């Protein structure tokens, strides 16, 4: 393959979607990833596909993404295990009830099909396995979930069949920039010239930006993820809670996948076995089991099959950057998805592809501009919405 028209850095959901969108536009595309498809955030995620609980700026993207998800298996000629089985956001205290009620009122005003279940009995009619600790909930029937690794691979394989080159196990060390133009990237083994670049490497984003004198103010908290052995069906919708300290869903295979809230992490990625591994702690595992079991008692009886840590690329306002890098006309960043980028990936990847091709994006991305951080006050942080 000759020099690509677009080099994509990162083979997560955003990069994979953009690769397919760009090949369908007729562009020559190469995707480079330090590890492999969905090796980091996209694979670590809970993998919810939700509109509920979204920031108003993200809600149009989430609604567009849900429309895309409904046709995705046919489009990709592969199984994503997408199921539109709803989302329950649970209230366990009177304070959380008020939080959920306010969320429902705001999102109904924005046009979302969401309702407030004013007592735990109504939530248990949807999920009988819920405990008496659930006092109320929001219910969004058009939310759902999918298999993150299968989805990312399906996008990449179709892009590859249409001419994209997928290069994994090859990390980009630095970008080449000449004046206001990015000309390529240097890996450990070669220099890749490119007409334009889309950088979507998640928590590694600032390693590319800092030599340019730029950075996104990212925190990197850890989420603990537990996956049970396969169980009989007990949970169709995704479950979250009002303060975002846990979430759980049951995969189509029967495995329960549960996540903790985002917690301070000062560790480093372990690449001993080819990486990347983010290690959690016994205490975090125990806390996650206790929180999930409090609302879903059957979780405590399940056998544990896997445990891992997932690191978030969390921005101060918990919204992503989908924008040109200031001062570089043909370099687009799509990062900072703050733990809830998978579900909107079919849309955000398409928007990033439109930007890198110098096309007007089909949805408003002004809230996701890079330069908003140049105007923000130091230490300014937004509350984290439900990740996944």
Protein backbone atom coordinates (compact mmCIF):
# COMPACT_ATOMS: atom_id res chain seq x y z
CA UNK A 1 0.00 0.00 0.00
CA UNK A 2 1.29 3.45 -0.89
CA UNK A 3 1.11 6.32 1.60
CA UNK A 4 -2.43 6.46 3.01
CA UNK A 5 -4.71 9.40 2.51
CA UNK A 6 -5.58 9.06 6.20
CA UNK A 7 -3.55 7.45 8.97
CA UNK A 8 -5.67 6.43 11.98
CA UNK A 9 -3.85 6.00 15.29
CA UNK A 10 -5.86 3.70 17.55
CA UNK A 11 -7.92 0.57 16.81
CA UNK A 12 -10.67 1.12 19.34
CA UNK A 13 -14.30 1.77 18.45
CA UNK A 14 -13.66 5.31 17.19
CA UNK A 15 -10.73 4.39 14.98
CA UNK A 16 -12.43 1.27 13.66
CA UNK A 17 -15.63 3.11 12.73
CA UNK A 18 -13.68 5.93 11.10
CA UNK A 19 -11.65 3.41 9.10
CA UNK A 20 -14.77 1.94 7.54
CA UNK A 21 -16.40 5.32 6.95
CA UNK A 22 -13.28 6.63 5.24
CA UNK A 23 -12.80 3.61 2.99
CA UNK A 24 -16.42 3.98 1.92
CA UNK A 25 -15.63 7.59 0.99
CA UNK A 26 -12.89 6.26 -1.27
CA UNK A 27 -9.92 7.17 0.93
CA UNK A 28 -6.83 4.99 1.31
CA UNK A 29 -6.63 4.23 5.03
CA UNK A 30 -4.14 2.67 7.39
CA UNK A 31 -4.93 1.95 11.05
CA UNK A 32 -2.00 1.62 13.45
CA UNK A 33 -2.36 0.41 17.02
CA UNK A 34 0.27 -0.22 19.66
CA UNK A 35 -1.54 -3.34 20.84
CA UNK A 36 -4.53 -4.66 18.90
CA UNK A 37 -8.24 -4.17 18.24
CA UNK A 38 -10.22 -3.04 21.30
CA UNK A 39 -7.17 -3.66 23.50
CA UNK A 40 -7.85 -0.73 25.81
CA UNK A 41 -10.97 1.32 26.62
CA UNK A 42 -13.21 -0.21 23.96
CA UNK A 43 -12.49 -3.71 25.25
CA UNK A 44 -12.38 -2.79 28.93
CA UNK A 45 -15.81 -1.17 28.88
CA UNK A 46 -19.15 -2.29 30.27
CA UNK A 47 -20.32 -1.89 26.63
CA UNK A 48 -23.64 -0.23 27.24
CA UNK A 49 -25.39 1.47 24.32
CA UNK A 50 -27.34 4.16 26.11
CA UNK A 51 -28.96 7.53 25.65
CA UNK A 52 -30.14 7.90 29.24
CA UNK A 53 -27.88 9.85 31.56
CA UNK A 54 -26.13 11.60 28.70
CA UNK A 55 -24.98 15.21 28.84
CA UNK A 56 -27.28 17.34 26.63
CA UNK A 57 -24.43 17.83 24.15
CA UNK A 58 -23.97 14.07 23.79
CA UNK A 59 -27.64 13.12 23.64
CA UNK A 60 -28.08 13.84 19.88
CA UNK A 61 -25.02 11.69 19.18
CA UNK A 62 -26.38 8.88 21.35
CA UNK A 63 -29.78 8.96 19.66
CA UNK A 64 -28.14 8.87 16.23
CA UNK A 65 -25.91 5.99 17.35
CA UNK A 66 -28.87 3.90 18.51
CA UNK A 67 -30.38 4.16 15.03
CA UNK A 68 -27.08 2.93 13.60
CA UNK A 69 -26.82 0.07 16.11
CA UNK A 70 -30.17 -1.30 15.01
CA UNK A 71 -28.80 -1.96 11.51
CA UNK A 72 -25.21 -2.72 12.44
CA UNK A 73 -25.13 -6.52 12.18
CA UNK A 74 -26.52 -6.28 8.64
CA UNK A 75 -24.19 -3.43 7.70
CA UNK A 76 -21.07 -5.13 9.05
CA UNK A 77 -22.09 -8.63 7.94
CA UNK A 78 -21.16 -9.83 11.41
CA UNK A 79 -22.61 -10.30 14.89
CA UNK A 80 -22.15 -7.51 17.42
CA UNK A 81 -24.50 -9.13 19.99
CA UNK A 82 -26.38 -5.83 20.17
CA UNK A 83 -29.57 -6.07 22.20
CA UNK A 84 -32.00 -3.18 22.72
CA UNK A 85 -33.19 -4.32 26.14
CA UNK A 86 -33.28 -1.05 28.06
CA UNK A 87 -31.46 0.67 30.89
CA UNK A 88 -32.54 0.95 34.53
CA UNK A 89 -30.77 3.59 36.61
CA UNK A 90 -31.48 2.64 40.20
CA UNK A 91 -32.04 4.77 43.28
CA UNK A 92 -31.00 3.25 46.60
CA UNK A 93 -31.64 6.27 48.84
CA UNK A 94 -34.08 9.16 49.05
CA UNK A 95 -31.36 11.48 47.73
CA UNK A 96 -30.75 9.23 44.75
CA UNK A 97 -34.49 9.15 44.07
CA UNK A 98 -34.46 12.92 43.65
CA UNK A 99 -31.41 12.69 41.39
CA UNK A 100 -33.06 10.11 39.14
CA UNK A 101 -36.35 11.98 39.07
CA UNK A 102 -34.62 15.19 37.99
CA UNK A 103 -32.67 13.31 35.31
CA UNK A 104 -35.89 11.88 33.89
CA UNK A 105 -37.59 15.27 33.80
CA UNK A 106 -34.64 16.85 31.99
CA UNK A 107 -34.34 14.07 29.43
CA UNK A 108 -38.06 13.82 28.76
CA UNK A 109 -37.95 17.54 28.00
CA UNK A 110 -35.15 16.79 25.53
CA UNK A 111 -37.42 14.27 23.79
CA UNK A 112 -35.99 10.99 25.12
CA UNK A 113 -38.33 8.06 25.74
CA UNK A 114 -37.63 7.69 29.47
CA UNK A 115 -39.85 7.30 32.51
CA UNK A 116 -39.55 7.52 36.29
CA UNK A 117 -40.48 4.37 38.21
CA UNK A 118 -41.51 5.82 41.55
CA UNK A 119 -41.16 2.62 43.57
CA UNK A 120 -38.91 -0.40 43.62
CA UNK A 121 -41.77 -2.72 42.76
CA UNK A 122 -42.05 -1.21 39.29
CA UNK A 123 -38.33 -1.81 38.72
CA UNK A 124 -38.68 -5.40 39.96
CA UNK A 125 -41.45 -6.00 37.43
CA UNK A 126 -38.79 -5.42 34.76
CA UNK A 127 -35.99 -7.28 36.62
CA UNK A 128 -37.45 -9.62 39.26
CA UNK A 129 -33.94 -10.43 40.53
CA UNK A 130 -33.54 -6.92 41.99
CA UNK A 131 -33.42 -6.57 45.77
CA UNK A 132 -35.62 -4.57 48.12
CA UNK A 133 -32.77 -2.03 48.31
CA UNK A 134 -34.02 -0.53 45.03
CA UNK A 135 -36.43 2.30 45.90
CA UNK A 136 -37.01 3.78 42.43
CA UNK A 137 -35.43 3.92 38.98
CA UNK A 138 -35.39 5.53 35.59
CA UNK A 139 -36.34 3.33 32.64
CA UNK A 140 -35.21 3.92 29.07
CA UNK A 141 -36.44 1.02 26.90
CA UNK A 142 -34.48 2.06 23.80
CA UNK A 143 -31.07 1.69 25.48
CA UNK A 144 -29.11 -1.55 25.18
CA UNK A 145 -25.71 -3.25 25.10
CA UNK A 146 -23.35 -5.10 22.76
CA UNK A 147 -20.11 -7.10 22.56
CA UNK A 148 -17.29 -4.52 22.34
CA UNK A 149 -14.52 -6.74 20.98
CA UNK A 150 -16.76 -8.35 18.36
CA UNK A 151 -18.04 -4.94 17.27
CA UNK A 152 -14.60 -3.37 16.85
CA UNK A 153 -13.30 -6.40 14.97
CA UNK A 154 -16.34 -6.41 12.70
CA UNK A 155 -15.72 -2.80 11.70
CA UNK A 156 -12.02 -3.40 11.10
CA UNK A 157 -12.54 -6.58 9.08
CA UNK A 158 -15.04 -4.90 6.78
CA UNK A 159 -12.76 -1.88 6.38
CA UNK A 160 -9.92 -4.28 5.56
CA UNK A 161 -12.03 -6.07 2.95
CA UNK A 162 -12.64 -2.68 1.38
CA UNK A 163 -8.93 -1.88 1.18
CA UNK A 164 -7.87 -0.49 4.57
CA UNK A 165 -4.57 -1.67 6.02
CA UNK A 166 -4.65 -2.71 9.69
CA UNK A 167 -1.26 -2.67 11.46
CA UNK A 168 -1.25 -3.86 15.08
CA UNK A 169 1.56 -4.32 17.58
CA UNK A 170 3.10 -1.10 16.27
CA UNK A 171 3.06 2.00 18.42
CA UNK A 172 3.40 5.54 17.13
CA UNK A 173 6.30 7.29 18.86
CA UNK A 174 5.70 10.76 17.54
CA UNK A 175 3.97 12.73 14.83
CA UNK A 176 5.68 14.59 12.04
CA UNK A 177 4.38 18.12 11.65
CA UNK A 178 5.62 20.71 9.16
CA UNK A 179 4.17 24.13 9.84
CA UNK A 180 0.40 23.83 9.91
CA UNK A 181 0.37 20.35 8.34
CA UNK A 182 0.87 16.88 9.76
CA UNK A 183 2.92 14.87 7.27
CA UNK A 184 3.10 11.49 8.99
CA UNK A 185 4.04 9.47 12.03
CA UNK A 186 7.09 7.59 13.25
CA UNK A 187 6.68 4.13 14.78
CA UNK A 188 9.33 1.87 16.24
CA UNK A 189 10.09 0.43 12.81
CA UNK A 190 9.17 2.95 10.10
CA UNK A 191 7.91 6.36 9.07
CA UNK A 192 4.38 6.49 7.68
CA UNK A 193 3.61 9.43 5.42
CA UNK A 194 -0.04 10.46 5.30
CA UNK A 195 -2.28 13.08 3.79
CA UNK A 196 -4.15 13.51 7.09
CA UNK A 197 -4.17 11.93 10.54
CA UNK A 198 -6.90 10.93 12.94
CA UNK A 199 -5.55 10.31 16.44
CA UNK A 200 -7.81 8.20 18.63
CA UNK A 201 -5.43 6.50 21.07
CA UNK A 202 -7.43 7.02 24.29
CA UNK A 203 -5.29 7.46 27.40
CA UNK A 204 -2.15 7.69 25.24
CA UNK A 205 -3.37 10.83 23.46
CA UNK A 206 -1.13 13.30 25.27
CA UNK A 207 2.02 11.38 24.38
CA UNK A 208 1.32 12.50 20.81
CA UNK A 209 0.22 16.04 21.66
CA UNK A 210 2.81 17.12 24.20
CA UNK A 211 5.73 17.39 21.68
CA UNK A 212 3.48 19.89 19.87
CA UNK A 213 3.15 21.95 23.05
CA UNK A 214 -0.46 20.85 23.58
CA UNK A 215 -2.37 18.54 25.88
CA UNK A 216 -5.91 17.63 26.85
CA UNK A 217 -6.35 17.85 30.64
CA UNK A 218 -7.00 14.15 31.16
CA UNK A 219 -7.29 12.31 34.43
CA UNK A 220 -6.82 8.54 34.33
CA UNK A 221 -9.03 6.90 36.97
CA UNK A 222 -9.42 3.14 37.16
CA UNK A 223 -12.64 1.15 36.84
CA UNK A 224 -12.70 -2.39 38.22
CA UNK A 225 -14.43 -4.89 35.94
CA UNK A 226 -15.66 -8.34 36.97
CA UNK A 227 -17.03 -11.01 34.66
CA UNK A 228 -18.83 -14.04 36.01
CA UNK A 229 -19.11 -17.52 34.65
CA UNK A 230 -22.14 -18.04 32.41
CA UNK A 231 -25.47 -18.03 34.27
CA UNK A 232 -29.11 -18.58 33.34
CA UNK A 233 -30.88 -15.38 32.26
CA UNK A 234 -31.54 -13.00 35.15
CA UNK A 235 -30.94 -9.54 33.67
CA UNK A 236 -32.06 -8.15 30.31
CA UNK A 237 -31.47 -4.39 30.71
CA UNK A 238 -28.26 -2.69 31.76
CA UNK A 239 -28.30 -1.61 35.40
CA UNK A 240 -26.68 1.57 36.66
CA UNK A 241 -27.11 3.65 39.79
CA UNK A 242 -27.69 7.31 40.46
CA UNK A 243 -24.17 8.10 41.69
CA UNK A 244 -22.39 5.99 39.02
CA UNK A 245 -20.50 3.83 41.53
CA UNK A 246 -21.46 0.55 39.80
CA UNK A 247 -23.10 -0.88 36.69
CA UNK A 248 -23.87 -4.40 35.48
CA UNK A 249 -25.28 -6.18 32.46
CA UNK A 250 -25.70 -9.78 31.36
CA UNK A 251 -24.02 -10.66 28.09
CA UNK A 252 -25.83 -12.78 25.51
CA UNK A 253 -23.53 -15.63 26.57
CA UNK A 254 -24.95 -15.48 30.10
CA UNK A 255 -21.89 -13.90 31.72
CA UNK A 256 -22.52 -11.00 34.07
CA UNK A 257 -20.18 -8.04 33.47
CA UNK A 258 -20.01 -5.53 36.32
CA UNK A 259 -18.02 -2.33 36.77
CA UNK A 260 -17.15 -0.20 39.75
CA UNK A 261 -17.19 3.56 39.86
CA UNK A 262 -14.14 5.49 38.71
CA UNK A 263 -11.44 5.54 41.38
CA UNK A 264 -8.10 7.30 41.72
CA UNK A 265 -5.33 5.24 40.12
CA UNK A 266 -1.62 5.89 40.31
CA UNK A 267 -0.48 2.68 38.70
CA UNK A 268 1.06 2.03 35.31
CA UNK A 269 0.07 -0.23 32.45
CA UNK A 270 1.74 -3.64 32.62
CA UNK A 271 2.95 -4.79 29.20
CA UNK A 272 4.79 -7.91 30.40
CA UNK A 273 2.56 -10.23 28.40
CA UNK A 274 2.17 -7.90 25.46
CA UNK A 275 -0.13 -5.62 27.46
CA UNK A 276 -1.91 -3.54 28.21
CA UNK A 277 -2.98 -4.58 31.72
CA UNK A 278 -4.19 -2.16 34.41
CA UNK A 279 -4.26 -3.91 37.76
CA UNK A 280 -7.02 -3.33 40.28
CA UNK A 281 -6.90 -4.23 44.00
CA UNK A 282 -8.55 -6.75 46.31
CA UNK A 283 -10.34 -3.90 48.09
CA UNK A 284 -11.82 -2.57 44.87
CA UNK A 285 -12.95 -6.04 43.87
CA UNK A 286 -14.66 -6.57 47.23
CA UNK A 287 -16.35 -3.16 47.08
CA UNK A 288 -17.65 -3.83 43.57
CA UNK A 289 -19.05 -7.22 44.54
CA UNK A 290 -20.76 -5.67 47.57
CA UNK A 291 -22.31 -2.79 45.60
CA UNK A 292 -23.60 -4.98 42.79
CA UNK A 293 -24.89 -7.67 45.16
CA UNK A 294 -26.72 -5.03 47.19
CA UNK A 295 -29.10 -4.45 44.25
CA UNK A 296 -28.69 -7.80 42.45
CA UNK A 297 -28.23 -10.48 45.15
CA UNK A 298 -27.63 -13.28 42.65
CA UNK A 299 -24.33 -11.66 41.70
CA UNK A 300 -22.78 -12.71 45.03
CA UNK A 301 -23.43 -16.36 44.22
CA UNK A 302 -21.86 -16.27 40.76
CA UNK A 303 -18.45 -17.77 40.07
CA UNK A 304 -15.83 -15.23 38.96
CA UNK A 305 -14.31 -15.94 35.56
CA UNK A 306 -12.25 -12.77 34.93
CA UNK A 307 -11.24 -9.57 36.70
CA UNK A 308 -9.48 -6.62 35.11
CA UNK A 309 -8.96 -2.89 35.40
CA UNK A 310 -10.00 -0.35 32.81
CA UNK A 311 -8.47 3.11 32.68
CA UNK A 312 -10.63 6.06 31.62
CA UNK A 313 -9.48 9.08 29.63
CA UNK A 314 -11.56 11.47 31.74
CA UNK A 315 -11.81 15.14 30.75
CA UNK A 316 -12.76 17.93 33.19
CA UNK A 317 -16.32 18.11 31.82
CA UNK A 318 -16.58 14.37 31.02
CA UNK A 319 -17.10 15.16 27.32
CA UNK A 320 -14.78 14.09 24.49
CA UNK A 321 -12.65 16.09 22.13
CA UNK A 322 -13.66 15.62 18.49
CA UNK A 323 -11.84 18.41 16.73
CA UNK A 324 -8.84 19.58 14.75
CA UNK A 325 -5.70 20.08 16.79
CA UNK A 326 -5.15 23.83 17.14
CA UNK A 327 -2.66 25.04 14.56
CA UNK A 328 -2.58 21.79 12.56
CA UNK A 329 -5.07 21.79 9.71
CA UNK A 330 -5.14 18.07 8.89
CA UNK A 331 -4.78 16.49 12.35
CA UNK A 332 -8.00 15.47 14.11
CA UNK A 333 -8.24 14.26 17.70
CA UNK A 334 -11.04 11.99 18.93
CA UNK A 335 -10.32 11.24 22.57
CA UNK A 336 -11.39 11.91 26.14
CA UNK A 337 -14.54 9.81 25.94
CA UNK A 338 -14.52 9.53 29.73
CA UNK A 339 -15.70 5.94 29.98
CA UNK A 340 -18.86 6.31 27.91
CA UNK A 341 -17.64 6.39 24.32
CA UNK A 342 -18.40 2.84 23.17
CA UNK A 343 -22.14 3.24 22.70
CA UNK A 344 -21.80 6.41 20.65
CA UNK A 345 -18.83 5.07 18.69
CA UNK A 346 -20.75 4.41 15.44
CA UNK A 347 -21.59 8.11 15.37
CA UNK A 348 -18.44 9.69 16.79
CA UNK A 349 -16.23 7.64 14.48
CA UNK A 350 -18.27 8.84 11.52
CA UNK A 351 -18.03 12.47 12.69
CA UNK A 352 -14.28 12.17 13.11
CA UNK A 353 -14.03 10.75 9.60
CA UNK A 354 -15.99 13.69 8.22
CA UNK A 355 -13.68 16.16 9.96
CA UNK A 356 -10.49 14.51 8.77
CA UNK A 357 -11.82 14.67 5.21
CA UNK A 358 -12.50 18.42 5.70
CA UNK A 359 -16.26 17.85 5.44
CA UNK A 360 -18.80 19.65 7.63
CA UNK A 361 -19.83 17.19 10.37
CA UNK A 362 -23.42 16.00 10.09
CA UNK A 363 -24.07 16.66 13.78
CA UNK A 364 -23.02 19.58 15.98
CA UNK A 365 -19.60 18.94 17.53
CA UNK A 366 -18.99 22.44 18.86
CA UNK A 367 -19.30 21.24 22.47
CA UNK A 368 -16.38 18.88 21.84
CA UNK A 369 -13.88 21.48 20.66
CA UNK A 370 -10.26 21.31 21.79
CA UNK A 371 -10.00 24.96 22.69
CA UNK A 372 -12.64 24.84 25.44
CA UNK A 373 -9.90 23.60 27.76
CA UNK A 374 -7.77 26.64 27.03
CA UNK A 375 -10.56 28.72 28.58
CA UNK A 376 -11.44 26.51 31.56
CA UNK A 377 -10.38 27.24 35.10
CA UNK A 378 -7.71 25.02 36.69
CA UNK A 379 -9.20 22.22 38.75
CA UNK A 380 -12.64 22.52 37.18
CA UNK A 381 -14.26 19.06 37.12
CA UNK A 382 -17.69 17.77 36.22
CA UNK A 383 -19.48 14.90 37.88
CA UNK A 384 -18.95 11.62 36.06
CA UNK A 385 -22.04 10.21 34.37
CA UNK A 386 -22.65 6.48 34.19
CA UNK A 387 -19.74 4.97 32.30
CA UNK A 388 -20.17 2.27 29.67
